[in-house]
Amino acid sequence: MYSLEDVFNQALADDSCGGLDGVGYQGRISLGVKIIKDNETNEVQLLNTSYGEHYREVSKNEYEVFKEKGWEHGIYYVSLSNSRRKLDLIERKIRIEMNGKCNAKQIQKLKNNRQRNIEKYSEISNKLNELNNG
């Protein structure tokens, strides 16, 4: 079991993270997860960046994954969840396009996007399996 401070320190040590320090806080980002620590209160917060311009705090379930398994497991878990959500959205858009305008160019674009997301999902899933088994 890890504290959020432990998880933040793991993110600091992770070479794959990008630094996002700002006024009054330290931050790191990897695979769509931003972790920030307030310099005054030492409060640590985890944000999911895949929702566009406005980041959302990760869910309670996702916080638990970070606390139970650490930074690396947590970012893979959130990334897989984000990929599943994006794939569902792409599938809905393909169905709408097929039942509507049937724009072949748009359908192909969506299918290509779906394939890229499937490849990313598979890559992250393999990394998580290696982490669990290694």
N, C-alpha and C. Protein backbone atom coordinates (compact mmCIF):
# COMPACT_ATOMS: atom_id res chain seq x y z
N MET A 1 0.85 -1.18 0.00
CA MET A 1 0.00 0.00 0.00
C MET A 1 0.89 1.24 0.00
N TYR A 2 0.55 2.20 -0.84
CA TYR A 2 1.33 3.42 -0.96
C TYR A 2 0.50 4.63 -0.56
N SER A 3 1.15 5.63 -0.01
CA SER A 3 0.48 6.90 0.23
C SER A 3 0.55 7.70 -1.07
N LEU A 4 -0.25 8.75 -1.17
CA LEU A 4 -0.19 9.60 -2.37
C LEU A 4 1.17 10.28 -2.47
N GLU A 5 1.80 10.55 -1.33
CA GLU A 5 3.16 11.11 -1.33
C GLU A 5 4.13 10.11 -1.96
N ASP A 6 4.00 8.83 -1.63
CA ASP A 6 4.84 7.79 -2.24
C ASP A 6 4.63 7.74 -3.75
N VAL A 7 3.37 7.80 -4.16
CA VAL A 7 3.04 7.75 -5.59
C VAL A 7 3.66 8.97 -6.30
N PHE A 8 3.58 10.13 -5.66
CA PHE A 8 4.18 11.33 -6.25
C PHE A 8 5.70 11.16 -6.39
N ASN A 9 6.34 10.62 -5.39
CA ASN A 9 7.79 10.40 -5.45
C ASN A 9 8.16 9.38 -6.54
N GLN A 10 7.30 8.39 -6.75
CA GLN A 10 7.53 7.44 -7.83
C GLN A 10 7.45 8.16 -9.18
N ALA A 11 6.49 9.08 -9.31
CA ALA A 11 6.36 9.85 -10.55
C ALA A 11 7.59 10.74 -10.77
N LEU A 12 8.11 11.33 -9.69
CA LEU A 12 9.31 12.15 -9.81
C LEU A 12 10.49 11.33 -10.32
N ALA A 13 10.57 10.08 -9.90
CA ALA A 13 11.69 9.20 -10.29
C ALA A 13 11.50 8.58 -11.67
N ASP A 14 10.31 8.68 -12.23
CA ASP A 14 9.99 8.06 -13.52
C ASP A 14 10.53 8.93 -14.66
N ASP A 15 11.51 8.41 -15.38
CA ASP A 15 12.12 9.16 -16.48
C ASP A 15 11.18 9.39 -17.65
N SER A 16 10.11 8.61 -17.75
CA SER A 16 9.19 8.77 -18.86
C SER A 16 8.20 9.91 -18.65
N CYS A 17 8.20 10.50 -17.46
CA CYS A 17 7.27 11.59 -17.15
C CYS A 17 7.79 12.92 -17.66
N GLY A 18 6.87 13.75 -18.06
CA GLY A 18 7.20 15.12 -18.41
C GLY A 18 7.00 16.00 -17.18
N GLY A 19 7.89 16.96 -17.00
CA GLY A 19 7.77 17.88 -15.88
C GLY A 19 6.79 18.99 -16.17
N LEU A 20 5.90 19.26 -15.21
CA LEU A 20 4.90 20.31 -15.36
C LEU A 20 4.80 21.15 -14.10
N ASP A 21 5.94 21.57 -13.59
CA ASP A 21 5.91 22.41 -12.39
C ASP A 21 5.30 23.77 -12.73
N GLY A 22 4.54 24.30 -11.78
CA GLY A 22 3.91 25.60 -11.96
C GLY A 22 4.06 26.42 -10.71
N VAL A 23 3.38 27.55 -10.70
CA VAL A 23 3.44 28.44 -9.54
C VAL A 23 2.71 27.77 -8.38
N GLY A 24 3.46 27.44 -7.34
CA GLY A 24 2.87 26.86 -6.13
C GLY A 24 2.70 25.36 -6.15
N TYR A 25 3.12 24.70 -7.21
CA TYR A 25 2.98 23.24 -7.24
C TYR A 25 4.06 22.60 -8.11
N GLN A 26 4.27 21.31 -7.85
CA GLN A 26 5.12 20.48 -8.69
C GLN A 26 4.21 19.51 -9.42
N GLY A 27 4.54 19.20 -10.65
CA GLY A 27 3.69 18.28 -11.41
C GLY A 27 4.48 17.44 -12.38
N ARG A 28 3.91 16.27 -12.69
CA ARG A 28 4.46 15.36 -13.68
C ARG A 28 3.28 14.79 -14.47
N ILE A 29 3.59 14.37 -15.71
CA ILE A 29 2.53 13.82 -16.56
C ILE A 29 3.07 12.63 -17.34
N SER A 30 2.24 11.61 -17.47
CA SER A 30 2.58 10.44 -18.27
C SER A 30 1.30 9.69 -18.63
N LEU A 31 1.21 9.29 -19.89
CA LEU A 31 0.09 8.48 -20.39
C LEU A 31 -1.29 9.05 -20.02
N GLY A 32 -1.43 10.34 -20.07
CA GLY A 32 -2.72 10.96 -19.80
C GLY A 32 -3.06 11.15 -18.34
N VAL A 33 -2.07 10.97 -17.45
CA VAL A 33 -2.28 11.18 -16.03
C VAL A 33 -1.32 12.28 -15.56
N LYS A 34 -1.89 13.29 -14.94
CA LYS A 34 -1.09 14.36 -14.37
C LYS A 34 -1.17 14.25 -12.85
N ILE A 35 -0.02 14.27 -12.20
CA ILE A 35 0.02 14.23 -10.74
C ILE A 35 0.62 15.56 -10.29
N ILE A 36 -0.05 16.19 -9.33
CA ILE A 36 0.43 17.47 -8.83
C ILE A 36 0.49 17.44 -7.31
N LYS A 37 1.46 18.20 -6.80
CA LYS A 37 1.62 18.32 -5.36
C LYS A 37 1.70 19.79 -5.02
N ASP A 38 0.79 20.26 -4.18
CA ASP A 38 0.77 21.65 -3.74
C ASP A 38 1.96 21.90 -2.82
N ASN A 39 2.73 22.95 -3.09
CA ASN A 39 3.93 23.24 -2.30
C ASN A 39 3.63 23.67 -0.87
N GLU A 40 2.47 24.29 -0.65
CA GLU A 40 2.12 24.75 0.70
C GLU A 40 1.48 23.66 1.54
N THR A 41 0.48 22.99 0.97
CA THR A 41 -0.29 22.01 1.75
C THR A 41 0.25 20.59 1.62
N ASN A 42 1.11 20.37 0.64
CA ASN A 42 1.63 19.02 0.31
C ASN A 42 0.53 18.06 -0.16
N GLU A 43 -0.63 18.60 -0.51
CA GLU A 43 -1.72 17.77 -1.01
C GLU A 43 -1.36 17.27 -2.41
N VAL A 44 -1.58 15.97 -2.64
CA VAL A 44 -1.30 15.35 -3.93
C VAL A 44 -2.63 15.05 -4.61
N GLN A 45 -2.70 15.38 -5.90
CA GLN A 45 -3.92 15.15 -6.66
C GLN A 45 -3.56 14.50 -7.99
N LEU A 46 -4.39 13.57 -8.43
CA LEU A 46 -4.22 12.87 -9.70
C LEU A 46 -5.32 13.31 -10.66
N LEU A 47 -4.92 13.70 -11.87
CA LEU A 47 -5.86 14.19 -12.86
C LEU A 47 -5.78 13.38 -14.14
N ASN A 48 -6.93 13.13 -14.75
CA ASN A 48 -7.02 12.45 -16.03
C ASN A 48 -7.09 13.54 -17.09
N THR A 49 -6.11 13.55 -18.02
CA THR A 49 -6.03 14.63 -19.00
C THR A 49 -6.75 14.31 -20.30
N SER A 50 -7.39 13.17 -20.41
CA SER A 50 -7.96 12.75 -21.69
C SER A 50 -9.36 13.30 -21.95
N TYR A 51 -9.82 14.17 -21.11
CA TYR A 51 -11.17 14.72 -21.30
C TYR A 51 -11.14 16.09 -21.97
N GLY A 52 -10.05 16.42 -22.61
CA GLY A 52 -9.98 17.69 -23.32
C GLY A 52 -9.34 18.78 -22.48
N GLU A 53 -9.82 19.96 -22.67
CA GLU A 53 -9.22 21.14 -22.05
C GLU A 53 -9.30 21.14 -20.54
N HIS A 54 -10.36 20.59 -19.98
CA HIS A 54 -10.56 20.60 -18.54
C HIS A 54 -10.26 19.21 -17.98
N TYR A 55 -9.16 19.10 -17.26
CA TYR A 55 -8.77 17.82 -16.68
C TYR A 55 -9.75 17.45 -15.57
N ARG A 56 -9.95 16.15 -15.41
CA ARG A 56 -10.82 15.64 -14.35
C ARG A 56 -9.99 14.84 -13.36
N GLU A 57 -10.37 14.94 -12.11
CA GLU A 57 -9.71 14.12 -11.11
C GLU A 57 -10.03 12.66 -11.40
N VAL A 58 -9.06 11.78 -11.19
CA VAL A 58 -9.31 10.36 -11.43
C VAL A 58 -10.39 9.88 -10.45
N SER A 59 -11.02 8.77 -10.80
CA SER A 59 -12.10 8.23 -9.97
C SER A 59 -11.54 7.66 -8.67
N LYS A 60 -12.44 7.41 -7.72
CA LYS A 60 -12.02 6.79 -6.45
C LYS A 60 -11.39 5.42 -6.70
N ASN A 61 -11.97 4.67 -7.62
CA ASN A 61 -11.43 3.36 -7.96
C ASN A 61 -10.01 3.49 -8.52
N GLU A 62 -9.80 4.48 -9.37
CA GLU A 62 -8.47 4.69 -9.94
C GLU A 62 -7.47 5.15 -8.87
N TYR A 63 -7.92 6.00 -7.94
CA TYR A 63 -7.06 6.38 -6.81
C TYR A 63 -6.61 5.13 -6.05
N GLU A 64 -7.53 4.20 -5.86
CA GLU A 64 -7.21 2.98 -5.12
C GLU A 64 -6.14 2.15 -5.84
N VAL A 65 -6.20 2.11 -7.17
CA VAL A 65 -5.18 1.39 -7.93
C VAL A 65 -3.81 2.02 -7.68
N PHE A 66 -3.75 3.35 -7.72
CA PHE A 66 -2.48 4.04 -7.46
C PHE A 66 -1.98 3.73 -6.04
N LYS A 67 -2.89 3.73 -5.08
CA LYS A 67 -2.49 3.48 -3.70
C LYS A 67 -2.07 2.02 -3.47
N GLU A 68 -2.74 1.11 -4.13
CA GLU A 68 -2.44 -0.31 -3.94
C GLU A 68 -1.21 -0.77 -4.72
N LYS A 69 -1.05 -0.25 -5.95
CA LYS A 69 -0.02 -0.80 -6.82
C LYS A 69 1.05 0.20 -7.25
N GLY A 70 0.83 1.49 -7.01
CA GLY A 70 1.84 2.48 -7.34
C GLY A 70 1.60 3.22 -8.65
N TRP A 71 2.53 4.13 -8.94
CA TRP A 71 2.43 5.04 -10.08
C TRP A 71 2.33 4.31 -11.42
N GLU A 72 3.26 3.40 -11.68
CA GLU A 72 3.31 2.77 -13.00
C GLU A 72 2.05 1.96 -13.29
N HIS A 73 1.61 1.13 -12.35
CA HIS A 73 0.36 0.39 -12.54
C HIS A 73 -0.80 1.35 -12.75
N GLY A 74 -0.82 2.41 -11.95
CA GLY A 74 -1.92 3.37 -12.03
C GLY A 74 -2.04 4.05 -13.38
N ILE A 75 -0.91 4.49 -13.93
CA ILE A 75 -1.00 5.18 -15.23
C ILE A 75 -1.42 4.22 -16.33
N TYR A 76 -0.98 2.96 -16.25
CA TYR A 76 -1.41 1.98 -17.24
C TYR A 76 -2.91 1.71 -17.11
N TYR A 77 -3.38 1.59 -15.88
CA TYR A 77 -4.80 1.33 -15.62
C TYR A 77 -5.67 2.46 -16.19
N VAL A 78 -5.29 3.70 -15.90
CA VAL A 78 -6.07 4.86 -16.38
C VAL A 78 -5.99 4.93 -17.90
N SER A 79 -4.82 4.69 -18.47
CA SER A 79 -4.65 4.74 -19.92
C SER A 79 -5.53 3.70 -20.61
N LEU A 80 -5.60 2.49 -20.06
CA LEU A 80 -6.46 1.46 -20.65
C LEU A 80 -7.93 1.86 -20.56
N SER A 81 -8.31 2.42 -19.45
CA SER A 81 -9.68 2.89 -19.28
C SER A 81 -10.01 3.99 -20.30
N ASN A 82 -9.08 4.92 -20.50
CA ASN A 82 -9.28 5.99 -21.48
C ASN A 82 -9.39 5.41 -22.89
N SER A 83 -8.55 4.43 -23.21
CA SER A 83 -8.58 3.82 -24.54
C SER A 83 -9.91 3.10 -24.77
N ARG A 84 -10.40 2.39 -23.76
CA ARG A 84 -11.71 1.72 -23.91
C ARG A 84 -12.82 2.74 -24.17
N ARG A 85 -12.79 3.85 -23.43
CA ARG A 85 -13.80 4.90 -23.61
C ARG A 85 -13.73 5.48 -25.02
N LYS A 86 -12.50 5.73 -25.51
CA LYS A 86 -12.33 6.28 -26.87
C LYS A 86 -12.79 5.29 -27.92
N LEU A 87 -12.48 4.01 -27.73
CA LEU A 87 -12.91 3.00 -28.69
C LEU A 87 -14.43 2.90 -28.75
N ASP A 88 -15.09 2.98 -27.61
CA ASP A 88 -16.56 2.97 -27.58
C ASP A 88 -17.13 4.16 -28.35
N LEU A 89 -16.51 5.32 -28.16
CA LEU A 89 -16.96 6.53 -28.85
C LEU A 89 -16.78 6.39 -30.36
N ILE A 90 -15.64 5.87 -30.79
CA ILE A 90 -15.38 5.67 -32.21
C ILE A 90 -16.38 4.69 -32.81
N GLU A 91 -16.67 3.60 -32.09
CA GLU A 91 -17.64 2.61 -32.57
C GLU A 91 -19.02 3.24 -32.75
N ARG A 92 -19.42 4.08 -31.79
CA ARG A 92 -20.72 4.78 -31.92
C ARG A 92 -20.72 5.68 -33.14
N LYS A 93 -19.62 6.42 -33.36
CA LYS A 93 -19.54 7.32 -34.51
C LYS A 93 -19.58 6.55 -35.82
N ILE A 94 -18.94 5.39 -35.87
CA ILE A 94 -18.98 4.57 -37.08
C ILE A 94 -20.40 4.11 -37.36
N ARG A 95 -21.11 3.65 -36.32
CA ARG A 95 -22.51 3.20 -36.50
C ARG A 95 -23.38 4.35 -36.99
N ILE A 96 -23.21 5.53 -36.42
CA ILE A 96 -24.00 6.69 -36.82
C ILE A 96 -23.72 7.03 -38.29
N GLU A 97 -22.46 7.02 -38.66
CA GLU A 97 -22.08 7.35 -40.03
C GLU A 97 -22.61 6.30 -41.01
N MET A 98 -22.54 5.02 -40.62
CA MET A 98 -23.03 3.96 -41.50
C MET A 98 -24.55 4.04 -41.69
N ASN A 99 -25.25 4.48 -40.65
CA ASN A 99 -26.71 4.58 -40.72
C ASN A 99 -27.17 5.93 -41.24
N GLY A 100 -26.25 6.84 -41.43
CA GLY A 100 -26.61 8.18 -41.87
C GLY A 100 -26.10 8.46 -43.27
N LYS A 101 -25.13 9.35 -43.35
CA LYS A 101 -24.62 9.84 -44.63
C LYS A 101 -23.82 8.81 -45.41
N CYS A 102 -23.24 7.85 -44.70
CA CYS A 102 -22.37 6.84 -45.32
C CYS A 102 -21.22 7.48 -46.10
N ASN A 103 -20.63 8.50 -45.52
CA ASN A 103 -19.48 9.16 -46.11
C ASN A 103 -18.28 8.23 -46.00
N ALA A 104 -17.87 7.66 -47.13
CA ALA A 104 -16.80 6.66 -47.14
C ALA A 104 -15.49 7.22 -46.57
N LYS A 105 -15.19 8.45 -46.87
CA LYS A 105 -13.95 9.06 -46.38
C LYS A 105 -13.98 9.19 -44.85
N GLN A 106 -15.11 9.60 -44.31
CA GLN A 106 -15.25 9.75 -42.86
C GLN A 106 -15.21 8.38 -42.17
N ILE A 107 -15.85 7.41 -42.76
CA ILE A 107 -15.85 6.05 -42.20
C ILE A 107 -14.43 5.50 -42.16
N GLN A 108 -13.68 5.68 -43.24
CA GLN A 108 -12.30 5.20 -43.27
C GLN A 108 -11.44 5.92 -42.23
N LYS A 109 -11.66 7.21 -42.07
CA LYS A 109 -10.93 7.98 -41.06
C LYS A 109 -11.21 7.42 -39.66
N LEU A 110 -12.47 7.13 -39.38
CA LEU A 110 -12.85 6.56 -38.08
C LEU A 110 -12.24 5.18 -37.89
N LYS A 111 -12.24 4.37 -38.94
CA LYS A 111 -11.65 3.03 -38.85
C LYS A 111 -10.15 3.11 -38.60
N ASN A 112 -9.47 4.04 -39.24
CA ASN A 112 -8.03 4.22 -39.00
C ASN A 112 -7.78 4.65 -37.56
N ASN A 113 -8.62 5.55 -37.08
CA ASN A 113 -8.51 6.02 -35.70
C ASN A 113 -8.74 4.86 -34.73
N ARG A 114 -9.72 4.03 -35.05
CA ARG A 114 -10.00 2.85 -34.22
C ARG A 114 -8.79 1.92 -34.19
N GLN A 115 -8.17 1.69 -35.34
CA GLN A 115 -7.00 0.80 -35.41
C GLN A 115 -5.84 1.35 -34.58
N ARG A 116 -5.58 2.65 -34.66
CA ARG A 116 -4.52 3.26 -33.84
C ARG A 116 -4.80 3.08 -32.36
N ASN A 117 -6.05 3.25 -31.96
CA ASN A 117 -6.43 3.09 -30.55
C ASN A 117 -6.31 1.65 -30.10
N ILE A 118 -6.65 0.71 -30.96
CA ILE A 118 -6.52 -0.71 -30.62
C ILE A 118 -5.04 -1.05 -30.43
N GLU A 119 -4.19 -0.54 -31.30
CA GLU A 119 -2.75 -0.79 -31.18
C GLU A 119 -2.20 -0.20 -29.89
N LYS A 120 -2.63 1.01 -29.55
CA LYS A 120 -2.18 1.64 -28.31
C LYS A 120 -2.66 0.84 -27.11
N TYR A 121 -3.91 0.42 -27.14
CA TYR A 121 -4.49 -0.38 -26.06
C TYR A 121 -3.68 -1.66 -25.86
N SER A 122 -3.37 -2.32 -26.96
CA SER A 122 -2.61 -3.57 -26.90
C SER A 122 -1.21 -3.34 -26.33
N GLU A 123 -0.57 -2.28 -26.75
CA GLU A 123 0.77 -1.95 -26.26
C GLU A 123 0.77 -1.71 -24.74
N ILE A 124 -0.18 -0.91 -24.27
CA ILE A 124 -0.27 -0.61 -22.84
C ILE A 124 -0.66 -1.86 -22.05
N SER A 125 -1.55 -2.66 -22.61
CA SER A 125 -1.97 -3.90 -21.96
C SER A 125 -0.77 -4.84 -21.80
N ASN A 126 0.05 -4.94 -22.83
CA ASN A 126 1.25 -5.78 -22.76
C ASN A 126 2.22 -5.28 -21.69
N LYS A 127 2.40 -3.97 -21.61
CA LYS A 127 3.29 -3.40 -20.60
C LYS A 127 2.78 -3.70 -19.19
N LEU A 128 1.47 -3.58 -19.01
CA LEU A 128 0.89 -3.87 -17.70
C LEU A 128 1.05 -5.36 -17.36
N ASN A 129 0.85 -6.24 -18.34
CA ASN A 129 1.04 -7.67 -18.11
C ASN A 129 2.49 -7.98 -17.74
N GLU A 130 3.43 -7.36 -18.43
CA GLU A 130 4.85 -7.55 -18.09
C GLU A 130 5.14 -7.10 -16.66
N LEU A 131 4.56 -5.96 -16.29
CA LEU A 131 4.75 -5.42 -14.95
C LEU A 131 4.18 -6.37 -13.89
N ASN A 132 3.01 -6.92 -14.19
CA ASN A 132 2.36 -7.85 -13.25
C ASN A 132 3.11 -9.18 -13.15
N ASN A 133 3.69 -9.62 -14.26
CA ASN A 133 4.33 -10.92 -14.30
C ASN A 133 5.84 -10.86 -14.05
N GLY A 134 6.41 -9.67 -14.07
CA GLY A 134 7.86 -9.54 -13.94
C GLY A 134 8.24 -9.10 -12.60
